[in-house]
Amino acid sequence: MGRRYDPDEVEAAREVTARAIRRLNILEYVILLFALVLALLGGALVAWVASSATDIPFRWIWAGASLLLFVLPGALVYLRERRKG
């Protein structure tokens, strides 16, 4: 026959699982924030180099490069995951 589960054990497992999910969600946002900061810093570096070589203003290059550095890797990962599933 089937095993009987203690309701206290089931509730404890649910609480542990819920806590783990909350922590993983927080970690996901921390990693996303870190990626955003890196994209902004990388975009600034690209803009600094490119603005000295062209007549395009620093801010326009910084905005475009930061968007590319943030969105392009995310889009590539998204597309790769869609192909798997």
PDB file of N, CA and C in Angstrom:
ATOM      1  N   MET A   1       0.829  -1.176   0.000  1.00  0.00           N
ATOM      2  CA  MET A   1       0.000   0.000   0.000  1.00  0.00           C
ATOM      3  C   MET A   1       0.879   1.248   0.000  1.00  0.00           C
ATOM      4  N   GLY A   2       0.209   2.392  -0.151  1.00  0.00           N
ATOM      5  CA  GLY A   2       0.936   3.650  -0.187  1.00  0.00           C
ATOM      6  C   GLY A   2       1.410   4.090   1.183  1.00  0.00           C
ATOM      7  N   ARG A   3       2.444   4.879   1.171  1.00  0.00           N
ATOM      8  CA  ARG A   3       3.001   5.379   2.420  1.00  0.00           C
ATOM      9  C   ARG A   3       2.165   6.543   2.929  1.00  0.00           C
ATOM     10  N   ARG A   4       1.943   6.601   4.219  1.00  0.00           N
ATOM     11  CA  ARG A   4       1.229   7.720   4.846  1.00  0.00           C
ATOM     12  C   ARG A   4       2.241   8.791   5.224  1.00  0.00           C
ATOM     13  N   TYR A   5       1.940  10.024   4.852  1.00  0.00           N
ATOM     14  CA  TYR A   5       2.826  11.136   5.169  1.00  0.00           C
ATOM     15  C   TYR A   5       2.284  11.883   6.374  1.00  0.00           C
ATOM     16  N   ASP A   6       3.199  12.233   7.237  1.00  0.00           N
ATOM     17  CA  ASP A   6       2.832  13.018   8.418  1.00  0.00           C
ATOM     18  C   ASP A   6       2.525  14.441   7.971  1.00  0.00           C
ATOM     19  N   PRO A   7       1.369  15.000   8.340  1.00  0.00           N
ATOM     20  CA  PRO A   7       1.025  16.370   7.916  1.00  0.00           C
ATOM     21  C   PRO A   7       2.058  17.411   8.360  1.00  0.00           C
ATOM     22  N   ASP A   8       2.696  17.204   9.505  1.00  0.00           N
ATOM     23  CA  ASP A   8       3.727  18.142   9.952  1.00  0.00           C
ATOM     24  C   ASP A   8       4.948  18.105   9.042  1.00  0.00           C
ATOM     25  N   GLU A   9       5.321  16.896   8.602  1.00  0.00           N
ATOM     26  CA  GLU A   9       6.451  16.775   7.680  1.00  0.00           C
ATOM     27  C   GLU A   9       6.141  17.426   6.340  1.00  0.00           C
ATOM     28  N   VAL A  10       4.918  17.247   5.873  1.00  0.00           N
ATOM     29  CA  VAL A  10       4.513  17.845   4.596  1.00  0.00           C
ATOM     30  C   VAL A  10       4.553  19.364   4.694  1.00  0.00           C
ATOM     31  N   GLU A  11       4.042  19.907   5.785  1.00  0.00           N
ATOM     32  CA  GLU A  11       4.045  21.370   5.976  1.00  0.00           C
ATOM     33  C   GLU A  11       5.464  21.899   6.085  1.00  0.00           C
ATOM     34  N   ALA A  12       6.338  21.177   6.783  1.00  0.00           N
ATOM     35  CA  ALA A  12       7.739  21.598   6.901  1.00  0.00           C
ATOM     36  C   ALA A  12       8.422  21.603   5.536  1.00  0.00           C
ATOM     37  N   ALA A  13       8.130  20.592   4.724  1.00  0.00           N
ATOM     38  CA  ALA A  13       8.709  20.536   3.377  1.00  0.00           C
ATOM     39  C   ALA A  13       8.211  21.691   2.524  1.00  0.00           C
ATOM     40  N   ARG A  14       6.941  22.036   2.666  1.00  0.00           N
ATOM     41  CA  ARG A  14       6.394  23.173   1.910  1.00  0.00           C
ATOM     42  C   ARG A  14       7.058  24.473   2.317  1.00  0.00           C
ATOM     43  N   GLU A  15       7.282  24.662   3.608  1.00  0.00           N
ATOM     44  CA  GLU A  15       7.923  25.889   4.080  1.00  0.00           C
ATOM     45  C   GLU A  15       9.361  25.989   3.582  1.00  0.00           C
ATOM     46  N   VAL A  16      10.086  24.882   3.635  1.00  0.00           N
ATOM     47  CA  VAL A  16      11.469  24.877   3.148  1.00  0.00           C
ATOM     48  C   VAL A  16      11.502  25.170   1.653  1.00  0.00           C
ATOM     49  N   THR A  17      10.599  24.574   0.915  1.00  0.00           N
ATOM     50  CA  THR A  17      10.538  24.810  -0.529  1.00  0.00           C
ATOM     51  C   THR A  17      10.186  26.257  -0.842  1.00  0.00           C
ATOM     52  N   ALA A  18       9.218  26.814  -0.130  1.00  0.00           N
ATOM     53  CA  ALA A  18       8.829  28.214  -0.354  1.00  0.00           C
ATOM     54  C   ALA A  18       9.982  29.155  -0.036  1.00  0.00           C
ATOM     55  N   ARG A  19      10.722  28.870   1.039  1.00  0.00           N
ATOM     56  CA  ARG A  19      11.870  29.710   1.407  1.00  0.00           C
ATOM     57  C   ARG A  19      12.955  29.635   0.339  1.00  0.00           C
ATOM     58  N   ALA A  20      13.205  28.444  -0.172  1.00  0.00           N
ATOM     59  CA  ALA A  20      14.216  28.272  -1.219  1.00  0.00           C
ATOM     60  C   ALA A  20      13.818  29.016  -2.492  1.00  0.00           C
ATOM     61  N   ILE A  21      12.549  28.968  -2.834  1.00  0.00           N
ATOM     62  CA  ILE A  21      12.075  29.678  -4.024  1.00  0.00           C
ATOM     63  C   ILE A  21      12.245  31.181  -3.858  1.00  0.00           C
ATOM     64  N   ARG A  22      11.907  31.709  -2.678  1.00  0.00           N
ATOM     65  CA  ARG A  22      12.083  33.151  -2.426  1.00  0.00           C
ATOM     66  C   ARG A  22      13.548  33.549  -2.541  1.00  0.00           C
ATOM     67  N   ARG A  23      14.423  32.737  -1.986  1.00  0.00           N
ATOM     68  CA  ARG A  23      15.860  33.056  -2.053  1.00  0.00           C
ATOM     69  C   ARG A  23      16.375  33.007  -3.482  1.00  0.00           C
ATOM     70  N   LEU A  24      15.918  32.041  -4.246  1.00  0.00           N
ATOM     71  CA  LEU A  24      16.333  31.969  -5.646  1.00  0.00           C
ATOM     72  C   LEU A  24      15.809  33.154  -6.445  1.00  0.00           C
ATOM     73  N   ASN A  25      14.608  33.610  -6.146  1.00  0.00           N
ATOM     74  CA  ASN A  25      14.071  34.794  -6.826  1.00  0.00           C
ATOM     75  C   ASN A  25      14.905  36.021  -6.499  1.00  0.00           C
ATOM     76  N   ILE A  26      15.302  36.173  -5.246  1.00  0.00           N
ATOM     77  CA  ILE A  26      16.147  37.305  -4.861  1.00  0.00           C
ATOM     78  C   ILE A  26      17.488  37.213  -5.575  1.00  0.00           C
ATOM     79  N   LEU A  27      18.073  36.016  -5.609  1.00  0.00           N
ATOM     80  CA  LEU A  27      19.350  35.827  -6.301  1.00  0.00           C
ATOM     81  C   LEU A  27      19.231  36.159  -7.778  1.00  0.00           C
ATOM     82  N   GLU A  28      18.107  35.816  -8.387  1.00  0.00           N
ATOM     83  CA  GLU A  28      17.882  36.128  -9.795  1.00  0.00           C
ATOM     84  C   GLU A  28      17.896  37.642 -10.031  1.00  0.00           C
ATOM     85  N   TYR A  29      17.245  38.392  -9.146  1.00  0.00           N
ATOM     86  CA  TYR A  29      17.237  39.850  -9.298  1.00  0.00           C
ATOM     87  C   TYR A  29      18.610  40.452  -9.042  1.00  0.00           C
ATOM     88  N   VAL A  30      19.378  39.905  -8.125  1.00  0.00           N
ATOM     89  CA  VAL A  30      20.733  40.398  -7.866  1.00  0.00           C
ATOM     90  C   VAL A  30      21.607  40.169  -9.098  1.00  0.00           C
ATOM     91  N   ILE A  31      21.510  38.988  -9.694  1.00  0.00           N
ATOM     92  CA  ILE A  31      22.293  38.703 -10.897  1.00  0.00           C
ATOM     93  C   ILE A  31      21.872  39.610 -12.047  1.00  0.00           C
ATOM     94  N   LEU A  32      20.575  39.855 -12.191  1.00  0.00           N
ATOM     95  CA  LEU A  32      20.082  40.744 -13.237  1.00  0.00           C
ATOM     96  C   LEU A  32      20.592  42.175 -13.026  1.00  0.00           C
ATOM     97  N   LEU A  33      20.589  42.648 -11.788  1.00  0.00           N
ATOM     98  CA  LEU A  33      21.111  43.982 -11.480  1.00  0.00           C
ATOM     99  C   LEU A  33      22.606  44.062 -11.787  1.00  0.00           C
ATOM    100  N   PHE A  34      23.351  43.017 -11.431  1.00  0.00           N
ATOM    101  CA  PHE A  34      24.780  42.979 -11.716  1.00  0.00           C
ATOM    102  C   PHE A  34      25.031  43.021 -13.221  1.00  0.00           C
ATOM    103  N   ALA A  35      24.234  42.285 -14.003  1.00  0.00           N
ATOM    104  CA  ALA A  35      24.369  42.305 -15.459  1.00  0.00           C
ATOM    105  C   ALA A  35      24.060  43.688 -16.015  1.00  0.00           C
ATOM    106  N   LEU A  36      23.072  44.366 -15.440  1.00  0.00           N
ATOM    107  CA  LEU A  36      22.730  45.713 -15.886  1.00  0.00           C
ATOM    108  C   LEU A  36      23.882  46.680 -15.621  1.00  0.00           C
ATOM    109  N   VAL A  37      24.470  46.599 -14.442  1.00  0.00           N
ATOM    110  CA  VAL A  37      25.601  47.481 -14.100  1.00  0.00           C
ATOM    111  C   VAL A  37      26.775  47.210 -15.028  1.00  0.00           C
ATOM    112  N   LEU A  38      27.064  45.935 -15.284  1.00  0.00           N
ATOM    113  CA  LEU A  38      28.153  45.612 -16.208  1.00  0.00           C
ATOM    114  C   LEU A  38      27.873  46.115 -17.618  1.00  0.00           C
ATOM    115  N   ALA A  39      26.629  46.031 -18.060  1.00  0.00           N
ATOM    116  CA  ALA A  39      26.274  46.530 -19.393  1.00  0.00           C
ATOM    117  C   ALA A  39      26.452  48.042 -19.466  1.00  0.00           C
ATOM    118  N   LEU A  40      26.068  48.742 -18.398  1.00  0.00           N
ATOM    119  CA  LEU A  40      26.245  50.202 -18.385  1.00  0.00           C
ATOM    120  C   LEU A  40      27.723  50.582 -18.384  1.00  0.00           C
ATOM    121  N   LEU A  41      28.524  49.883 -17.593  1.00  0.00           N
ATOM    122  CA  LEU A  41      29.964  50.178 -17.559  1.00  0.00           C
ATOM    123  C   LEU A  41      30.627  49.826 -18.891  1.00  0.00           C
ATOM    124  N   GLY A  42      30.263  48.677 -19.450  1.00  0.00           N
ATOM    125  CA  GLY A  42      30.810  48.297 -20.753  1.00  0.00           C
ATOM    126  C   GLY A  42      30.377  49.253 -21.850  1.00  0.00           C
ATOM    127  N   GLY A  43      29.139  49.700 -21.790  1.00  0.00           N
ATOM    128  CA  GLY A  43      28.653  50.680 -22.761  1.00  0.00           C
ATOM    129  C   GLY A  43      29.383  52.004 -22.651  1.00  0.00           C
ATOM    130  N   ALA A  44      29.691  52.400 -21.416  1.00  0.00           N
ATOM    131  CA  ALA A  44      30.452  53.643 -21.219  1.00  0.00           C
ATOM    132  C   ALA A  44      31.856  53.516 -21.794  1.00  0.00           C
ATOM    133  N   LEU A  45      32.477  52.368 -21.604  1.00  0.00           N
ATOM    134  CA  LEU A  45      33.809  52.155 -22.159  1.00  0.00           C
ATOM    135  C   LEU A  45      33.784  52.176 -23.681  1.00  0.00           C
ATOM    136  N   VAL A  46      32.808  51.498 -24.267  1.00  0.00           N
ATOM    137  CA  VAL A  46      32.670  51.505 -25.726  1.00  0.00           C
ATOM    138  C   VAL A  46      32.398  52.925 -26.222  1.00  0.00           C
ATOM    139  N   ALA A  47      31.553  53.653 -25.530  1.00  0.00           N
ATOM    140  CA  ALA A  47      31.222  55.021 -25.941  1.00  0.00           C
ATOM    141  C   ALA A  47      32.428  55.938 -25.825  1.00  0.00           C
ATOM    142  N   TRP A  48      33.214  55.758 -24.791  1.00  0.00           N
ATOM    143  CA  TRP A  48      34.402  56.594 -24.612  1.00  0.00           C
ATOM    144  C   TRP A  48      35.387  56.397 -25.768  1.00  0.00           C
ATOM    145  N   VAL A  49      35.587  55.130 -26.151  1.00  0.00           N
ATOM    146  CA  VAL A  49      36.507  54.840 -27.251  1.00  0.00           C
ATOM    147  C   VAL A  49      35.914  55.306 -28.579  1.00  0.00           C
ATOM    148  N   ALA A  50      34.627  55.008 -28.801  1.00  0.00           N
ATOM    149  CA  ALA A  50      34.008  55.315 -30.094  1.00  0.00           C
ATOM    150  C   ALA A  50      33.759  56.805 -30.279  1.00  0.00           C
ATOM    151  N   SER A  51      33.467  57.534 -29.206  1.00  0.00           N
ATOM    152  CA  SER A  51      33.191  58.966 -29.365  1.00  0.00           C
ATOM    153  C   SER A  51      34.441  59.741 -29.720  1.00  0.00           C
ATOM    154  N   SER A  52      35.592  59.238 -29.329  1.00  0.00           N
ATOM    155  CA  SER A  52      36.828  59.924 -29.714  1.00  0.00           C
ATOM    156  C   SER A  52      37.173  59.666 -31.179  1.00  0.00           C
ATOM    157  N   ALA A  53      36.651  58.572 -31.745  1.00  0.00           N
ATOM    158  CA  ALA A  53      36.946  58.240 -33.137  1.00  0.00           C
ATOM    159  C   ALA A  53      35.889  58.761 -34.099  1.00  0.00           C
ATOM    160  N   THR A  54      34.709  59.127 -33.586  1.00  0.00           N
ATOM    161  CA  THR A  54      33.630  59.595 -34.456  1.00  0.00           C
ATOM    162  C   THR A  54      33.093  60.925 -33.939  1.00  0.00           C
ATOM    163  N   ASP A  55      32.145  61.491 -34.695  1.00  0.00           N
ATOM    164  CA  ASP A  55      31.504  62.742 -34.283  1.00  0.00           C
ATOM    165  C   ASP A  55      30.186  62.486 -33.555  1.00  0.00           C
ATOM    166  N   ILE A  56      29.872  61.225 -33.285  1.00  0.00           N
ATOM    167  CA  ILE A  56      28.629  60.890 -32.594  1.00  0.00           C
ATOM    168  C   ILE A  56      28.796  61.208 -31.108  1.00  0.00           C
ATOM    169  N   PRO A  57      27.788  61.857 -30.499  1.00  0.00           N
ATOM    170  CA  PRO A  57      27.903  62.209 -29.079  1.00  0.00           C
ATOM    171  C   PRO A  57      28.032  60.975 -28.172  1.00  0.00           C
ATOM    172  N   PHE A  58      28.769  61.168 -27.075  1.00  0.00           N
ATOM    173  CA  PHE A  58      29.032  60.098 -26.110  1.00  0.00           C
ATOM    174  C   PHE A  58      27.745  59.457 -25.613  1.00  0.00           C
ATOM    175  N   ARG A  59      26.738  60.265 -25.277  1.00  0.00           N
ATOM    176  CA  ARG A  59      25.495  59.728 -24.696  1.00  0.00           C
ATOM    177  C   ARG A  59      24.750  58.798 -25.640  1.00  0.00           C
ATOM    178  N   TRP A  60      24.722  59.135 -26.927  1.00  0.00           N
ATOM    179  CA  TRP A  60      24.028  58.280 -27.893  1.00  0.00           C
ATOM    180  C   TRP A  60      24.728  56.933 -28.029  1.00  0.00           C
ATOM    181  N   ILE A  61      26.048  56.979 -28.111  1.00  0.00           N
ATOM    182  CA  ILE A  61      26.805  55.729 -28.222  1.00  0.00           C
ATOM    183  C   ILE A  61      26.651  54.915 -26.938  1.00  0.00           C
ATOM    184  N   TRP A  62      26.697  55.587 -25.784  1.00  0.00           N
ATOM    185  CA  TRP A  62      26.577  54.898 -24.503  1.00  0.00           C
ATOM    186  C   TRP A  62      25.214  54.200 -24.389  1.00  0.00           C
ATOM    187  N   ALA A  63      24.169  54.898 -24.779  1.00  0.00           N
ATOM    188  CA  ALA A  63      22.830  54.312 -24.712  1.00  0.00           C
ATOM    189  C   ALA A  63      22.721  53.102 -25.636  1.00  0.00           C
ATOM    190  N   GLY A  64      23.164  53.248 -26.859  1.00  0.00           N
ATOM    191  CA  GLY A  64      23.079  52.144 -27.818  1.00  0.00           C
ATOM    192  C   GLY A  64      23.937  50.958 -27.420  1.00  0.00           C
ATOM    193  N   ALA A  65      25.169  51.223 -27.018  1.00  0.00           N
ATOM    194  CA  ALA A  65      26.071  50.138 -26.641  1.00  0.00           C
ATOM    195  C   ALA A  65      25.577  49.429 -25.380  1.00  0.00           C
ATOM    196  N   SER A  66      25.075  50.182 -24.412  1.00  0.00           N
ATOM    197  CA  SER A  66      24.569  49.563 -23.184  1.00  0.00           C
ATOM    198  C   SER A  66      23.362  48.678 -23.470  1.00  0.00           C
ATOM    199  N   LEU A  67      22.477  49.157 -24.315  1.00  0.00           N
ATOM    200  CA  LEU A  67      21.317  48.334 -24.693  1.00  0.00           C
ATOM    201  C   LEU A  67      21.748  47.055 -25.394  1.00  0.00           C
ATOM    202  N   LEU A  68      22.691  47.190 -26.316  1.00  0.00           N
ATOM    203  CA  LEU A  68      23.168  46.004 -27.022  1.00  0.00           C
ATOM    204  C   LEU A  68      23.844  45.024 -26.066  1.00  0.00           C
ATOM    205  N   LEU A  69      24.643  45.540 -25.152  1.00  0.00           N
ATOM    206  CA  LEU A  69      25.355  44.667 -24.221  1.00  0.00           C
ATOM    207  C   LEU A  69      24.424  44.016 -23.204  1.00  0.00           C
ATOM    208  N   PHE A  70      23.254  44.586 -22.986  1.00  0.00           N
ATOM    209  CA  PHE A  70      22.308  44.008 -22.035  1.00  0.00           C
ATOM    210  C   PHE A  70      21.285  43.114 -22.727  1.00  0.00           C
ATOM    211  N   VAL A  71      20.762  43.571 -23.853  1.00  0.00           N
ATOM    212  CA  VAL A  71      19.667  42.865 -24.528  1.00  0.00           C
ATOM    213  C   VAL A  71      20.175  41.719 -25.397  1.00  0.00           C
ATOM    214  N   LEU A  72      21.255  41.921 -26.107  1.00  0.00           N
ATOM    215  CA  LEU A  72      21.738  40.904 -27.043  1.00  0.00           C
ATOM    216  C   LEU A  72      22.090  39.580 -26.354  1.00  0.00           C
ATOM    217  N   PRO A  73      22.872  39.559 -25.268  1.00  0.00           N
ATOM    218  CA  PRO A  73      23.127  38.269 -24.609  1.00  0.00           C
ATOM    219  C   PRO A  73      21.855  37.616 -24.067  1.00  0.00           C
ATOM    220  N   GLY A  74      20.967  38.424 -23.525  1.00  0.00           N
ATOM    221  CA  GLY A  74      19.702  37.876 -23.023  1.00  0.00           C
ATOM    222  C   GLY A  74      18.873  37.261 -24.132  1.00  0.00           C
ATOM    223  N   ALA A  75      18.832  37.910 -25.272  1.00  0.00           N
ATOM    224  CA  ALA A  75      18.071  37.383 -26.408  1.00  0.00           C
ATOM    225  C   ALA A  75      18.699  36.093 -26.925  1.00  0.00           C
ATOM    226  N   LEU A  76      20.015  36.028 -26.959  1.00  0.00           N
ATOM    227  CA  LEU A  76      20.679  34.807 -27.418  1.00  0.00           C
ATOM    228  C   LEU A  76      20.406  33.634 -26.477  1.00  0.00           C
ATOM    229  N   VAL A  77      20.451  33.877 -25.181  1.00  0.00           N
ATOM    230  CA  VAL A  77      20.153  32.819 -24.209  1.00  0.00           C
ATOM    231  C   VAL A  77      18.697  32.388 -24.340  1.00  0.00           C
ATOM    232  N   TYR A  78      17.810  33.344 -24.505  1.00  0.00           N
ATOM    233  CA  TYR A  78      16.385  33.031 -24.662  1.00  0.00           C
ATOM    234  C   TYR A  78      16.147  32.150 -25.890  1.00  0.00           C
ATOM    235  N   LEU A  79      16.762  32.517 -27.002  1.00  0.00           N
ATOM    236  CA  LEU A  79      16.579  31.739 -28.225  1.00  0.00           C
ATOM    237  C   LEU A  79      17.183  30.347 -28.093  1.00  0.00           C
ATOM    238  N   ARG A  80      18.325  30.241 -27.425  1.00  0.00           N
ATOM    239  CA  ARG A  80      18.945  28.937 -27.224  1.00  0.00           C
ATOM    240  C   ARG A  80      18.060  28.035 -26.364  1.00  0.00           C
ATOM    241  N   GLU A  81      17.460  28.598 -25.327  1.00  0.00           N
ATOM    242  CA  GLU A  81      16.583  27.824 -24.470  1.00  0.00           C
ATOM    243  C   GLU A  81      15.301  27.400 -25.187  1.00  0.00           C
ATOM    244  N   ARG A  82      14.803  28.232 -26.079  1.00  0.00           N
ATOM    245  CA  ARG A  82      13.607  27.866 -26.844  1.00  0.00           C
ATOM    246  C   ARG A  82      13.889  26.710 -27.784  1.00  0.00           C
ATOM    247  N   ARG A  83      15.107  26.670 -28.349  1.00  0.00           N
ATOM    248  CA  ARG A  83      15.462  25.568 -29.246  1.00  0.00           C
ATOM    249  C   ARG A  83      15.567  24.257 -28.493  1.00  0.00           C
ATOM    250  N   LYS A  84      16.038  24.314 -27.247  1.00  0.00           N
ATOM    251  CA  LYS A  84      16.155  23.097 -26.448  1.00  0.00           C
ATOM    252  C   LYS A  84      14.780  22.504 -26.154  1.00  0.00           C
ATOM    253  N   GLY A  85      13.863  23.373 -25.729  1.00  0.00           N
ATOM    254  CA  GLY A  85      12.536  22.901 -25.309  1.00  0.00           C
ATOM    255  C   GLY A  85      11.635  22.798 -26.451  1.00  0.00           C
TER     256      GLY A  85
END
